[in-house]
Protein backbone atom coordinates (compact mmCIF):
# COMPACT_ATOMS: atom_id res chain seq x y z
CA UNK A 1 7.09 64.42 24.69
CA UNK A 2 9.14 61.20 25.32
CA UNK A 3 8.15 58.07 23.31
CA UNK A 4 7.72 55.08 25.41
CA UNK A 5 9.79 52.21 24.24
CA UNK A 6 8.90 48.54 24.54
CA UNK A 7 10.24 45.21 23.62
CA UNK A 8 8.57 42.34 22.32
CA UNK A 9 9.43 38.94 23.56
CA UNK A 10 8.44 35.93 21.37
CA UNK A 11 8.59 32.64 23.16
CA UNK A 12 7.48 29.15 22.90
CA UNK A 13 6.30 26.52 25.54
CA UNK A 14 7.86 23.12 24.87
CA UNK A 15 6.35 19.81 26.64
CA UNK A 16 9.34 17.56 27.48
CA UNK A 17 8.46 13.89 27.63
CA UNK A 18 8.04 12.74 31.22
CA UNK A 19 5.94 10.41 33.05
CA UNK A 20 3.63 13.01 34.51
CA UNK A 21 3.04 14.78 31.08
CA UNK A 22 2.49 11.71 29.25
CA UNK A 23 -0.60 11.16 31.71
CA UNK A 24 -1.90 14.66 31.57
CA UNK A 25 -1.43 15.98 27.82
CA UNK A 26 -3.10 14.63 24.92
CA UNK A 27 -1.25 12.47 22.65
CA UNK A 28 0.57 14.67 19.91
CA UNK A 29 -1.25 14.44 16.73
CA UNK A 30 -2.12 10.59 16.81
CA UNK A 31 -1.73 7.58 19.14
CA UNK A 32 1.19 6.13 16.75
CA UNK A 33 3.57 9.19 17.43
CA UNK A 34 5.52 9.39 19.72
CA UNK A 35 6.27 7.13 22.68
CA UNK A 36 8.65 8.04 25.38
CA UNK A 37 11.11 5.01 24.25
CA UNK A 38 10.78 6.18 20.59
CA UNK A 39 14.04 8.43 19.87
CA UNK A 40 13.65 9.18 16.08
CA UNK A 41 14.23 13.03 15.27
CA UNK A 42 10.67 13.44 14.04
CA UNK A 43 8.88 11.96 17.11
CA UNK A 44 11.35 13.84 19.35
CA UNK A 45 10.41 17.05 17.58
CA UNK A 46 6.58 16.14 17.58
CA UNK A 47 6.65 15.24 21.41
CA UNK A 48 8.30 18.54 22.23
CA UNK A 49 6.07 20.65 19.91
CA UNK A 50 2.65 19.86 21.46
CA UNK A 51 -0.46 21.91 21.51
CA UNK A 52 -1.00 23.76 24.96
CA UNK A 53 -3.97 22.45 26.74
CA UNK A 54 -6.81 24.59 26.80
CA UNK A 55 -6.46 25.53 30.46
CA UNK A 56 -3.43 27.31 29.77
CA UNK A 57 -4.49 30.76 28.69
CA UNK A 58 -2.96 34.33 28.35
CA UNK A 59 -4.26 35.02 31.80
CA UNK A 60 -2.56 32.15 33.28
CA UNK A 61 0.57 32.66 31.58
CA UNK A 62 0.85 36.45 32.77
CA UNK A 63 -0.19 35.62 36.29
CA UNK A 64 2.86 33.02 36.33
CA UNK A 65 5.25 35.52 34.80
CA UNK A 66 4.16 37.96 37.58
CA UNK A 67 4.33 35.80 40.16
CA UNK A 68 7.90 34.75 39.05
CA UNK A 69 8.84 38.53 38.86
CA UNK A 70 7.90 39.02 42.47
CA UNK A 71 9.45 35.83 43.66
CA UNK A 72 12.86 36.61 41.92
CA UNK A 73 13.00 40.40 42.16
CA UNK A 74 10.92 41.03 45.32
CA UNK A 75 8.90 44.42 45.25
CA UNK A 76 11.09 45.69 42.16
CA UNK A 77 9.71 42.64 40.43
CA UNK A 78 6.30 43.13 41.18
CA UNK A 79 6.26 46.88 40.32
CA UNK A 80 7.83 46.24 36.88
CA UNK A 81 5.09 43.68 36.16
CA UNK A 82 2.31 45.73 37.29
CA UNK A 83 3.15 48.81 34.98
CA UNK A 84 4.25 47.46 31.92
CA UNK A 85 3.75 43.64 31.40
CA UNK A 86 1.41 42.37 28.78
CA UNK A 87 0.77 39.30 26.48
CA UNK A 88 -0.05 40.36 23.06
CA UNK A 89 -0.27 37.13 21.54
CA UNK A 90 -0.63 33.44 22.56
CA UNK A 91 -2.05 30.32 20.74
CA UNK A 92 -2.82 27.21 22.17
CA UNK A 93 -2.53 25.21 19.00
CA UNK A 94 1.27 26.18 18.42
CA UNK A 95 2.35 27.25 21.98
CA UNK A 96 3.81 30.45 20.94
CA UNK A 97 3.20 33.67 22.54
CA UNK A 98 4.54 37.40 22.39
CA UNK A 99 5.17 39.31 25.54
CA UNK A 100 5.09 43.36 25.56
CA UNK A 101 7.13 44.83 28.16
CA UNK A 102 9.21 48.17 28.78
CA UNK A 103 12.59 48.26 27.32
CA UNK A 104 14.44 48.82 30.57
CA UNK A 105 12.66 45.69 32.23
CA UNK A 106 12.73 43.01 29.32
CA UNK A 107 15.73 41.33 30.51
CA UNK A 108 14.12 40.47 33.80
CA UNK A 109 10.88 39.17 32.25
CA UNK A 110 13.23 37.16 29.88
CA UNK A 111 15.11 35.61 32.80
CA UNK A 112 11.73 34.74 34.73
CA UNK A 113 10.39 33.05 31.47
CA UNK A 114 13.17 30.84 31.36
CA UNK A 115 12.98 29.85 35.00
CA UNK A 116 9.45 28.70 34.59
CA UNK A 117 9.28 25.07 34.60
CA UNK A 118 5.68 24.22 35.50
CA UNK A 119 2.29 25.61 34.23
CA UNK A 120 -0.90 24.30 35.97
CA UNK A 121 0.99 21.05 36.84
CA UNK A 122 2.49 20.43 33.53
CA UNK A 123 6.05 20.17 33.26
CA UNK A 124 7.36 22.90 30.59
CA UNK A 125 10.43 24.27 29.06
CA UNK A 126 9.73 27.96 28.01
CA UNK A 127 12.32 29.16 25.42
CA UNK A 128 12.81 32.77 24.32
CA UNK A 129 13.18 32.90 20.57
CA UNK A 130 13.47 36.37 20.02
CA UNK A 131 13.46 39.88 21.67
CA UNK A 132 12.47 42.73 19.21
CA UNK A 133 11.37 46.18 19.21
CA UNK A 134 8.21 46.07 17.03
CA UNK A 135 5.58 43.73 17.34
CA UNK A 136 5.83 43.18 13.42
CA UNK A 137 9.23 41.76 13.69
CA UNK A 138 8.37 39.15 16.33
CA UNK A 139 5.21 38.16 14.23
CA UNK A 140 6.98 37.97 10.93
CA UNK A 141 9.78 35.73 12.92
CA UNK A 142 7.02 33.62 14.08
CA UNK A 143 5.52 33.06 10.57
CA UNK A 144 9.05 32.55 9.32
CA UNK A 145 9.96 29.85 11.88
CA UNK A 146 6.79 28.00 11.55
CA UNK A 147 7.29 27.83 7.69
CA UNK A 148 10.78 26.26 8.16
CA UNK A 149 9.49 23.84 11.15
CA UNK A 150 6.86 22.46 8.81
CA UNK A 151 9.41 22.19 5.91
CA UNK A 152 11.53 20.37 8.05
CA UNK A 153 8.64 18.02 9.49
CA UNK A 154 7.71 17.19 5.83
CA UNK A 155 11.36 16.44 4.86
CA UNK A 156 12.04 14.27 7.56
CA UNK A 157 8.79 12.53 6.95
CA UNK A 158 9.84 11.96 3.37
CA UNK A 159 13.07 10.29 4.40
CA UNK A 160 11.63 7.95 6.96
CA UNK A 161 9.10 5.35 6.35
CA UNK A 162 6.60 6.59 9.05
CA UNK A 163 3.78 7.25 6.92
CA UNK A 164 2.40 10.19 5.92
CA UNK A 165 2.69 13.16 8.16
CA UNK A 166 -0.34 15.16 6.67
CA UNK A 167 -2.64 12.50 8.52
CA UNK A 168 -0.87 13.32 11.82
CA UNK A 169 -2.27 16.93 11.41
CA UNK A 170 -5.74 16.24 10.27
CA UNK A 171 -7.05 15.41 13.81
C-alpha cells in the first residue's frame, strides 16, 4: 500500500493601504493608527497585518483557490482542486491559514495563491510563507512567526513615541 503524500502551505493575507480598502476594512486596532499618509515602519506593518473581515471564511478562500486553479490551469486545475485541496486552518484574527494539497500539485496551488489579488471586493496580497510536509511544522512556523512579529512590534513601539502598543491590541 502506498502512502499519500501531502504538502501544507502556510499563507498570510495582507491588506495594502488603498482608498478602497480604507473605506471597506475596519480601522486597524484603533483610530490613531495608521493613516494612508503616515509611513512610519510601525504603522506600515500594522496597516498590512489587519484582521480579516468576518465574511472572509475558509469556504470563501477555498472556492477562490479552486476558481483560480480552474482559470489558470483549465480542466486539469479543476481536477487537482476537487481531489486533494483542503483548508486545514484559517484565522480571521491573524489572517493566516494552512492549505493541504497533494505533493504533486502544491506548486499549482502556490502559484494560484500568489495570483489572487481580490477577495470579496477587498484588495489583498496573499503571501506564501512556508511549504511543509507536515502540518505540525507549519503550525510551529506560524507560532514562531507570530512571536517574532509581536516582539518586533513591541520593540518598535519602545523606540518610538507613539504611545503604548498594548492599548492598541485591547480593542
